[in-house]
Amino acid sequence: MKLSVTVEGEQQLAIALGKASDIIADLRPAWKPVQKLFQDFSSDQFQSSGSAGASGKWKPLSAKYERAKVKKFGTFALLAGINIRTERLYKSLRGETSDSVYIPEKDSLTLGTTVPYARYVQNVRPVISLSDRQKKELGVSIKRSLVSQLKGTALTVNESNFGDIG
């Protein structure tokens, strides 16, 4: 991550760097936008049957498993997509249920789900699989949050390194 800062005067510099240090040491304000992106990426992954993420498109269900799935869950299981039979896992990764995990800390963020079968699904048809573009977008989101917070200090922040994601 590259961040350019300009400050004039020793006293201003000491104060500004102290504030900047506090801002950079606590990333919690940046986590809500990151959570939203993660939820969008998870939704895209389900709706694209895996092709939105780095893992690539999921293999189609075998005819035998497809019949068993329809018998147990009805045709909704197929119409909604390969991995959306009850919507429990999907909704939990969207932050919509008590199974959703969002733990913001100063220097880390934990996102995910407590759905018991999530690990199995992840191994078979990855529902969390960030592409390089998605990873870059997450990084840009964090940078933008830091720049926004730093603008409230005496620092002059150079945003030229925050171009469009391509």
Protein backbone atom coordinates (compact mmCIF):
# COMPACT_ATOMS: atom_id res chain seq x y z
CA MET A 1 0.00 0.00 0.00
CA LYS A 2 1.43 3.38 -0.95
CA LEU A 3 0.34 6.54 0.83
CA SER A 4 1.86 10.00 0.26
CA VAL A 5 1.64 12.62 3.00
CA THR A 6 2.78 16.25 3.14
CA VAL A 7 3.06 18.22 6.41
CA GLU A 8 4.68 21.59 7.08
CA GLY A 9 6.16 22.55 10.47
CA GLU A 10 7.63 20.37 13.25
CA GLN A 11 4.80 20.78 15.76
CA GLN A 12 2.19 20.18 13.07
CA LEU A 13 4.11 17.13 11.93
CA ALA A 14 4.25 15.61 15.42
CA ILE A 15 0.53 16.16 15.99
CA ALA A 16 -0.47 14.98 12.52
CA LEU A 17 1.69 11.85 12.70
CA GLY A 18 0.26 11.02 16.11
CA LYS A 19 -3.27 11.25 14.74
CA ALA A 20 -2.33 9.33 11.61
CA SER A 21 -0.72 6.62 13.72
CA ASP A 22 -3.92 6.25 15.76
CA ILE A 23 -6.02 6.05 12.59
CA ILE A 24 -3.80 3.46 10.92
CA ALA A 25 -3.58 1.42 14.15
CA ASP A 26 -7.37 0.99 14.28
CA LEU A 27 -8.89 -0.27 11.04
CA ARG A 28 -12.39 -0.83 12.46
CA PRO A 29 -13.90 2.10 10.51
CA ALA A 30 -12.74 0.41 7.29
CA TRP A 31 -14.37 -2.93 8.06
CA LYS A 32 -18.03 -2.12 7.31
CA PRO A 33 -17.33 -1.35 3.63
CA VAL A 34 -15.14 -4.47 3.46
CA GLN A 35 -18.00 -6.52 4.95
CA LYS A 36 -20.38 -5.17 2.30
CA LEU A 37 -17.96 -6.08 -0.50
CA PHE A 38 -17.47 -9.57 0.96
CA GLN A 39 -21.23 -10.05 1.07
CA ASP A 40 -21.55 -8.91 -2.54
CA PHE A 41 -18.71 -11.21 -3.62
CA SER A 42 -20.32 -14.15 -1.79
CA SER A 43 -23.64 -13.46 -3.47
CA ASP A 44 -21.94 -13.24 -6.87
CA GLN A 45 -20.17 -16.54 -6.22
CA PHE A 46 -23.46 -18.33 -5.51
CA GLN A 47 -25.34 -16.73 -8.38
CA SER A 48 -22.58 -17.49 -10.89
CA SER A 49 -22.18 -21.09 -9.71
CA GLY A 50 -18.58 -20.30 -8.79
CA SER A 51 -17.43 -18.51 -11.91
CA ALA A 52 -17.22 -15.08 -10.17
CA GLY A 53 -14.39 -16.26 -7.93
CA ALA A 54 -10.91 -17.67 -8.35
CA SER A 55 -12.11 -21.29 -8.07
CA GLY A 56 -13.95 -21.23 -11.40
CA LYS A 57 -17.35 -22.59 -12.35
CA TRP A 58 -18.57 -25.50 -10.24
CA LYS A 59 -19.09 -28.89 -11.83
CA PRO A 60 -22.75 -29.67 -12.54
CA LEU A 61 -24.56 -32.01 -10.21
CA SER A 62 -24.59 -35.64 -11.19
CA ALA A 63 -27.96 -36.85 -12.46
CA LYS A 64 -28.31 -39.12 -9.42
CA TYR A 65 -27.56 -36.35 -6.93
CA GLU A 66 -29.81 -33.92 -8.77
CA ARG A 67 -32.74 -36.38 -8.49
CA ALA A 68 -32.02 -36.92 -4.78
CA LYS A 69 -31.83 -33.18 -4.20
CA VAL A 70 -35.16 -32.54 -5.95
CA LYS A 71 -36.77 -35.39 -4.00
CA LYS A 72 -35.54 -34.02 -0.65
CA PHE A 73 -35.83 -30.25 -1.25
CA GLY A 74 -38.14 -29.87 -4.25
CA THR A 75 -37.42 -28.14 -7.53
CA PHE A 76 -36.55 -24.92 -5.70
CA ALA A 77 -33.18 -26.52 -4.91
CA LEU A 78 -32.38 -26.53 -8.63
CA LEU A 79 -34.05 -23.28 -9.60
CA ALA A 80 -32.25 -21.36 -6.86
CA GLY A 81 -28.86 -22.69 -7.90
CA ILE A 82 -26.50 -25.50 -7.11
CA ASN A 83 -25.71 -24.43 -3.56
CA ILE A 84 -28.90 -22.66 -2.52
CA ARG A 85 -31.19 -25.42 -1.35
CA THR A 86 -32.39 -23.90 1.93
CA GLU A 87 -30.70 -20.48 1.59
CA ARG A 88 -29.18 -20.89 5.08
CA LEU A 89 -25.53 -20.75 3.98
CA TYR A 90 -26.21 -18.10 1.34
CA LYS A 91 -28.03 -15.80 3.76
CA SER A 92 -25.44 -16.28 6.49
CA LEU A 93 -22.65 -15.16 4.17
CA ARG A 94 -24.80 -12.17 3.23
CA GLY A 95 -24.92 -11.15 6.92
CA GLU A 96 -28.63 -11.82 7.22
CA THR A 97 -28.80 -14.51 9.94
CA SER A 98 -27.58 -15.47 13.39
CA ASP A 99 -25.13 -17.81 11.60
CA SER A 100 -23.34 -14.78 10.11
CA VAL A 101 -19.90 -13.98 11.49
CA TYR A 102 -18.65 -10.38 11.66
CA ILE A 103 -15.90 -9.73 14.18
CA PRO A 104 -14.20 -6.36 13.64
CA GLU A 105 -10.95 -5.84 15.55
CA LYS A 106 -8.38 -3.03 15.40
CA ASP A 107 -6.05 -4.92 13.08
CA SER A 108 -8.15 -7.76 11.70
CA LEU A 109 -11.60 -8.67 10.48
CA THR A 110 -13.23 -12.07 10.69
CA LEU A 111 -16.08 -12.75 8.26
CA GLY A 112 -17.88 -15.97 7.55
CA THR A 113 -20.50 -18.32 8.84
CA THR A 114 -21.18 -20.80 11.61
CA VAL A 115 -23.37 -23.01 9.39
CA PRO A 116 -22.17 -26.53 10.29
CA TYR A 117 -21.91 -27.83 6.72
CA ALA A 118 -20.13 -24.73 5.35
CA ARG A 119 -16.69 -26.34 5.49
CA TYR A 120 -17.89 -29.32 3.47
CA VAL A 121 -19.51 -27.10 0.86
CA GLN A 122 -16.37 -24.93 0.69
CA ASN A 123 -14.28 -28.02 -0.10
CA VAL A 124 -16.64 -29.24 -2.83
CA ARG A 125 -17.93 -26.01 -4.37
CA PRO A 126 -16.06 -23.01 -2.95
CA VAL A 127 -18.49 -20.32 -1.90
CA ILE A 128 -15.65 -18.08 -0.69
CA SER A 129 -13.14 -17.75 -3.49
CA LEU A 130 -11.86 -14.25 -4.12
CA SER A 131 -10.52 -13.39 -7.55
CA ASP A 132 -7.48 -11.14 -7.90
CA ARG A 133 -9.80 -8.32 -8.93
CA GLN A 134 -11.95 -8.82 -5.82
CA LYS A 135 -8.87 -8.83 -3.57
CA LYS A 136 -7.71 -5.61 -5.19
CA GLU A 137 -11.14 -4.08 -4.66
CA LEU A 138 -10.99 -4.96 -0.96
CA GLY A 139 -7.56 -3.32 -0.70
CA VAL A 140 -8.78 -0.18 -2.45
CA SER A 141 -11.74 -0.02 -0.07
CA ILE A 142 -9.40 -0.08 2.93
CA LYS A 143 -7.14 2.57 1.36
CA ARG A 144 -10.10 4.85 0.64
CA SER A 145 -11.27 4.55 4.23
CA LEU A 146 -7.81 5.45 5.53
CA VAL A 147 -7.53 8.41 3.16
CA SER A 148 -10.96 9.63 4.22
CA GLN A 149 -10.00 9.44 7.89
CA LEU A 150 -6.61 11.06 7.32
CA LYS A 151 -8.31 14.03 5.65
CA GLY A 152 -9.65 14.92 9.09
CA THR A 153 -6.08 15.51 10.31
CA ALA A 154 -3.56 18.22 9.45
CA LEU A 155 -2.10 15.90 6.82
CA THR A 156 -2.37 16.56 3.12
CA VAL A 157 -3.05 13.19 1.54
CA ASN A 158 -2.13 12.45 -2.06
CA GLU A 159 -4.90 10.32 -3.55
CA SER A 160 -3.25 9.87 -6.93
CA ASN A 161 -2.53 6.23 -6.11
CA PHE A 162 -6.22 5.43 -5.77
CA GLY A 163 -7.31 5.12 -9.39
CA ASP A 164 -10.20 3.10 -10.73
CA ILE A 165 -10.18 -0.66 -10.44
CA GLY A 166 -9.69 -2.14 -13.85
